[in-house]
Amino acid sequence: MKKIPHNLQPFLFFVTQFFCFALIIINTRAYNRDKYVLTVVTDLFFGAYGWFVIKAIGDCKHRWGWVGYTLGGATGSVFGIWFSNQIGS
């Protein structure tokens, strides 16, 4: 995998965590409401996401990457609640 430039790490980590936490919320709401297809789809995204994060974060030596990673998680949870309400899961 190509190394991520230091100036893009905070943004990229924010985006990845944003979608990860949104997926966690959507997935949790889906399996609690017996939405089997949505549960499987979000689980598949978790697998792909995990591989990417292990590769990308292992190379991060920049403090702002951590900031983006952390803020992305918090905002992703809020988005996940809103989005799962919109799709009815």
N, C-alpha and C. Protein backbone atom coordinates (compact mmCIF):
# COMPACT_ATOMS: atom_id res chain seq x y z
N MET A 1 0.84 -1.18 0.00
CA MET A 1 0.00 0.00 0.00
C MET A 1 0.89 1.24 0.00
N LYS A 2 0.49 2.22 -0.78
CA LYS A 2 1.25 3.46 -0.88
C LYS A 2 1.15 4.23 0.43
N LYS A 3 2.27 4.83 0.85
CA LYS A 3 2.26 5.62 2.09
C LYS A 3 1.40 6.85 1.93
N ILE A 4 0.71 7.20 2.98
CA ILE A 4 -0.17 8.37 2.98
C ILE A 4 0.67 9.59 3.36
N PRO A 5 0.62 10.65 2.55
CA PRO A 5 1.37 11.87 2.89
C PRO A 5 0.92 12.42 4.25
N HIS A 6 1.87 12.95 5.00
CA HIS A 6 1.57 13.45 6.35
C HIS A 6 0.47 14.51 6.35
N ASN A 7 0.42 15.36 5.33
CA ASN A 7 -0.58 16.42 5.33
C ASN A 7 -1.99 15.89 5.08
N LEU A 8 -2.14 14.68 4.55
CA LEU A 8 -3.46 14.10 4.31
C LEU A 8 -3.91 13.16 5.42
N GLN A 9 -3.01 12.76 6.31
CA GLN A 9 -3.35 11.79 7.34
C GLN A 9 -4.51 12.22 8.24
N PRO A 10 -4.52 13.45 8.77
CA PRO A 10 -5.64 13.80 9.64
C PRO A 10 -6.99 13.69 8.94
N PHE A 11 -7.08 14.18 7.71
CA PHE A 11 -8.33 14.12 6.96
C PHE A 11 -8.72 12.69 6.65
N LEU A 12 -7.78 11.90 6.19
CA LEU A 12 -8.07 10.51 5.84
C LEU A 12 -8.49 9.70 7.06
N PHE A 13 -7.82 9.89 8.18
CA PHE A 13 -8.17 9.16 9.39
C PHE A 13 -9.53 9.63 9.93
N PHE A 14 -9.83 10.93 9.79
CA PHE A 14 -11.14 11.42 10.18
C PHE A 14 -12.23 10.71 9.37
N VAL A 15 -12.04 10.67 8.07
CA VAL A 15 -13.04 10.06 7.19
C VAL A 15 -13.19 8.57 7.48
N THR A 16 -12.08 7.86 7.69
CA THR A 16 -12.19 6.42 7.94
C THR A 16 -12.89 6.15 9.28
N GLN A 17 -12.57 6.91 10.29
CA GLN A 17 -13.23 6.70 11.58
C GLN A 17 -14.69 7.14 11.53
N PHE A 18 -14.96 8.20 10.81
CA PHE A 18 -16.34 8.66 10.65
C PHE A 18 -17.20 7.52 10.11
N PHE A 19 -16.75 6.90 9.02
CA PHE A 19 -17.52 5.81 8.44
C PHE A 19 -17.52 4.55 9.30
N CYS A 20 -16.42 4.30 10.00
CA CYS A 20 -16.39 3.13 10.87
C CYS A 20 -17.41 3.25 12.00
N PHE A 21 -17.44 4.39 12.67
CA PHE A 21 -18.37 4.54 13.78
C PHE A 21 -19.81 4.61 13.29
N ALA A 22 -20.02 5.21 12.11
CA ALA A 22 -21.36 5.19 11.53
C ALA A 22 -21.77 3.74 11.25
N LEU A 23 -20.85 2.94 10.73
CA LEU A 23 -21.15 1.53 10.47
C LEU A 23 -21.45 0.77 11.76
N ILE A 24 -20.73 1.07 12.82
CA ILE A 24 -20.98 0.40 14.10
C ILE A 24 -22.41 0.68 14.56
N ILE A 25 -22.82 1.93 14.49
CA ILE A 25 -24.17 2.29 14.91
C ILE A 25 -25.22 1.63 14.02
N ILE A 26 -25.03 1.74 12.70
CA ILE A 26 -25.99 1.15 11.77
C ILE A 26 -26.05 -0.36 11.94
N ASN A 27 -24.89 -1.00 12.11
CA ASN A 27 -24.84 -2.45 12.30
C ASN A 27 -25.55 -2.86 13.58
N THR A 28 -25.28 -2.16 14.65
CA THR A 28 -25.89 -2.50 15.94
C THR A 28 -27.41 -2.35 15.87
N ARG A 29 -27.86 -1.28 15.27
CA ARG A 29 -29.30 -1.08 15.15
C ARG A 29 -29.93 -2.11 14.23
N ALA A 30 -29.18 -2.51 13.19
CA ALA A 30 -29.71 -3.50 12.25
C ALA A 30 -29.88 -4.86 12.90
N TYR A 31 -28.87 -5.33 13.63
CA TYR A 31 -29.03 -6.67 14.22
C TYR A 31 -29.97 -6.67 15.41
N ASN A 32 -30.12 -5.53 16.07
CA ASN A 32 -31.12 -5.46 17.16
C ASN A 32 -32.55 -5.47 16.63
N ARG A 33 -32.71 -5.11 15.37
CA ARG A 33 -34.04 -5.08 14.76
C ARG A 33 -34.23 -6.20 13.74
N ASP A 34 -33.36 -7.20 13.79
CA ASP A 34 -33.45 -8.38 12.92
C ASP A 34 -33.42 -8.03 11.43
N LYS A 35 -32.59 -7.08 11.05
CA LYS A 35 -32.39 -6.73 9.64
C LYS A 35 -31.17 -7.50 9.14
N TYR A 36 -31.40 -8.72 8.68
CA TYR A 36 -30.31 -9.63 8.35
C TYR A 36 -29.43 -9.14 7.21
N VAL A 37 -30.02 -8.67 6.14
CA VAL A 37 -29.24 -8.24 4.98
C VAL A 37 -28.35 -7.05 5.33
N LEU A 38 -28.92 -6.07 6.00
CA LEU A 38 -28.13 -4.90 6.40
C LEU A 38 -27.02 -5.28 7.37
N THR A 39 -27.29 -6.22 8.25
CA THR A 39 -26.25 -6.69 9.17
C THR A 39 -25.10 -7.32 8.41
N VAL A 40 -25.39 -8.16 7.43
CA VAL A 40 -24.34 -8.80 6.64
C VAL A 40 -23.55 -7.76 5.85
N VAL A 41 -24.23 -6.82 5.23
CA VAL A 41 -23.54 -5.79 4.44
C VAL A 41 -22.59 -4.97 5.31
N THR A 42 -23.06 -4.53 6.46
CA THR A 42 -22.19 -3.73 7.33
C THR A 42 -21.04 -4.57 7.89
N ASP A 43 -21.28 -5.85 8.16
CA ASP A 43 -20.19 -6.73 8.61
C ASP A 43 -19.11 -6.88 7.53
N LEU A 44 -19.53 -6.97 6.29
CA LEU A 44 -18.55 -7.07 5.19
C LEU A 44 -17.70 -5.81 5.11
N PHE A 45 -18.32 -4.66 5.31
CA PHE A 45 -17.55 -3.42 5.31
C PHE A 45 -16.55 -3.38 6.46
N PHE A 46 -16.92 -3.95 7.61
CA PHE A 46 -15.98 -4.01 8.74
C PHE A 46 -14.71 -4.77 8.38
N GLY A 47 -14.87 -5.87 7.68
CA GLY A 47 -13.70 -6.67 7.28
C GLY A 47 -12.77 -5.88 6.39
N ALA A 48 -13.32 -5.22 5.39
CA ALA A 48 -12.49 -4.42 4.48
C ALA A 48 -11.87 -3.24 5.21
N TYR A 49 -12.63 -2.61 6.06
CA TYR A 49 -12.15 -1.46 6.81
C TYR A 49 -10.97 -1.84 7.72
N GLY A 50 -11.10 -2.96 8.40
CA GLY A 50 -10.04 -3.40 9.32
C GLY A 50 -8.72 -3.58 8.62
N TRP A 51 -8.75 -4.15 7.44
CA TRP A 51 -7.51 -4.36 6.68
C TRP A 51 -6.88 -3.03 6.33
N PHE A 52 -7.69 -2.08 5.87
CA PHE A 52 -7.18 -0.77 5.50
C PHE A 52 -6.57 -0.04 6.69
N VAL A 53 -7.25 -0.05 7.81
CA VAL A 53 -6.79 0.70 8.98
C VAL A 53 -5.48 0.14 9.52
N ILE A 54 -5.37 -1.17 9.57
CA ILE A 54 -4.13 -1.77 10.05
C ILE A 54 -2.96 -1.32 9.19
N LYS A 55 -3.15 -1.29 7.89
CA LYS A 55 -2.08 -0.85 6.99
C LYS A 55 -1.80 0.64 7.13
N ALA A 56 -2.82 1.45 7.16
CA ALA A 56 -2.64 2.90 7.14
C ALA A 56 -2.14 3.44 8.47
N ILE A 57 -2.70 3.01 9.57
CA ILE A 57 -2.35 3.57 10.86
C ILE A 57 -1.00 3.06 11.34
N GLY A 58 -0.63 1.90 10.89
CA GLY A 58 0.68 1.38 11.28
C GLY A 58 1.82 2.28 10.85
N ASP A 59 1.61 3.05 9.80
CA ASP A 59 2.64 3.95 9.28
C ASP A 59 2.52 5.38 9.79
N CYS A 60 1.52 5.68 10.57
CA CYS A 60 1.28 7.05 11.01
C CYS A 60 2.22 7.43 12.15
N LYS A 61 2.94 8.50 11.96
CA LYS A 61 3.84 9.01 13.00
C LYS A 61 3.47 10.44 13.37
N HIS A 62 2.32 10.89 12.93
CA HIS A 62 1.92 12.28 13.04
C HIS A 62 0.82 12.44 14.07
N ARG A 63 0.94 13.38 14.99
CA ARG A 63 -0.05 13.60 16.04
C ARG A 63 -1.40 14.02 15.48
N TRP A 64 -1.42 14.78 14.40
CA TRP A 64 -2.68 15.23 13.82
C TRP A 64 -3.47 14.08 13.20
N GLY A 65 -2.79 13.03 12.83
CA GLY A 65 -3.48 11.83 12.37
C GLY A 65 -4.36 11.27 13.47
N TRP A 66 -3.84 11.27 14.69
CA TRP A 66 -4.60 10.80 15.86
C TRP A 66 -5.81 11.69 16.10
N VAL A 67 -5.63 13.01 15.96
CA VAL A 67 -6.74 13.94 16.17
C VAL A 67 -7.86 13.67 15.17
N GLY A 68 -7.50 13.51 13.90
CA GLY A 68 -8.50 13.20 12.90
C GLY A 68 -9.19 11.89 13.16
N TYR A 69 -8.42 10.89 13.60
CA TYR A 69 -8.95 9.56 13.90
C TYR A 69 -9.98 9.64 15.04
N THR A 70 -9.67 10.40 16.06
CA THR A 70 -10.55 10.53 17.22
C THR A 70 -11.81 11.33 16.91
N LEU A 71 -11.66 12.46 16.27
CA LEU A 71 -12.83 13.28 15.93
C LEU A 71 -13.74 12.60 14.92
N GLY A 72 -13.16 11.84 14.02
CA GLY A 72 -13.96 11.11 13.06
C GLY A 72 -14.86 10.10 13.73
N GLY A 73 -14.38 9.45 14.78
CA GLY A 73 -15.19 8.49 15.51
C GLY A 73 -16.39 9.13 16.18
N ALA A 74 -16.15 10.27 16.83
CA ALA A 74 -17.24 10.95 17.54
C ALA A 74 -18.31 11.43 16.58
N THR A 75 -17.92 12.06 15.50
CA THR A 75 -18.91 12.57 14.55
C THR A 75 -19.56 11.44 13.76
N GLY A 76 -18.83 10.37 13.53
CA GLY A 76 -19.40 9.22 12.83
C GLY A 76 -20.52 8.57 13.60
N SER A 77 -20.42 8.52 14.91
CA SER A 77 -21.50 7.95 15.73
C SER A 77 -22.78 8.75 15.59
N VAL A 78 -22.65 10.05 15.64
CA VAL A 78 -23.83 10.91 15.50
C VAL A 78 -24.45 10.74 14.11
N PHE A 79 -23.60 10.71 13.09
CA PHE A 79 -24.10 10.49 11.73
C PHE A 79 -24.78 9.13 11.61
N GLY A 80 -24.20 8.10 12.22
CA GLY A 80 -24.77 6.75 12.16
C GLY A 80 -26.16 6.68 12.75
N ILE A 81 -26.37 7.39 13.86
CA ILE A 81 -27.71 7.43 14.47
C ILE A 81 -28.69 8.10 13.51
N TRP A 82 -28.29 9.26 12.97
CA TRP A 82 -29.16 9.97 12.05
C TRP A 82 -29.46 9.12 10.81
N PHE A 83 -28.42 8.55 10.21
CA PHE A 83 -28.60 7.79 8.96
C PHE A 83 -29.44 6.54 9.18
N SER A 84 -29.21 5.84 10.27
CA SER A 84 -29.99 4.62 10.50
C SER A 84 -31.46 4.97 10.75
N ASN A 85 -31.73 6.13 11.30
CA ASN A 85 -33.12 6.58 11.42
C ASN A 85 -33.73 6.85 10.06
N GLN A 86 -32.93 7.39 9.15
CA GLN A 86 -33.42 7.71 7.81
C GLN A 86 -33.75 6.46 7.01
N ILE A 87 -32.93 5.40 7.16
CA ILE A 87 -33.17 4.18 6.39
C ILE A 87 -34.07 3.20 7.13
N GLY A 88 -34.45 3.55 8.34
CA GLY A 88 -35.39 2.73 9.09
C GLY A 88 -34.81 1.48 9.69
N SER A 89 -33.50 1.49 9.99
CA SER A 89 -32.92 0.28 10.62
C SER A 89 -32.85 0.45 12.12
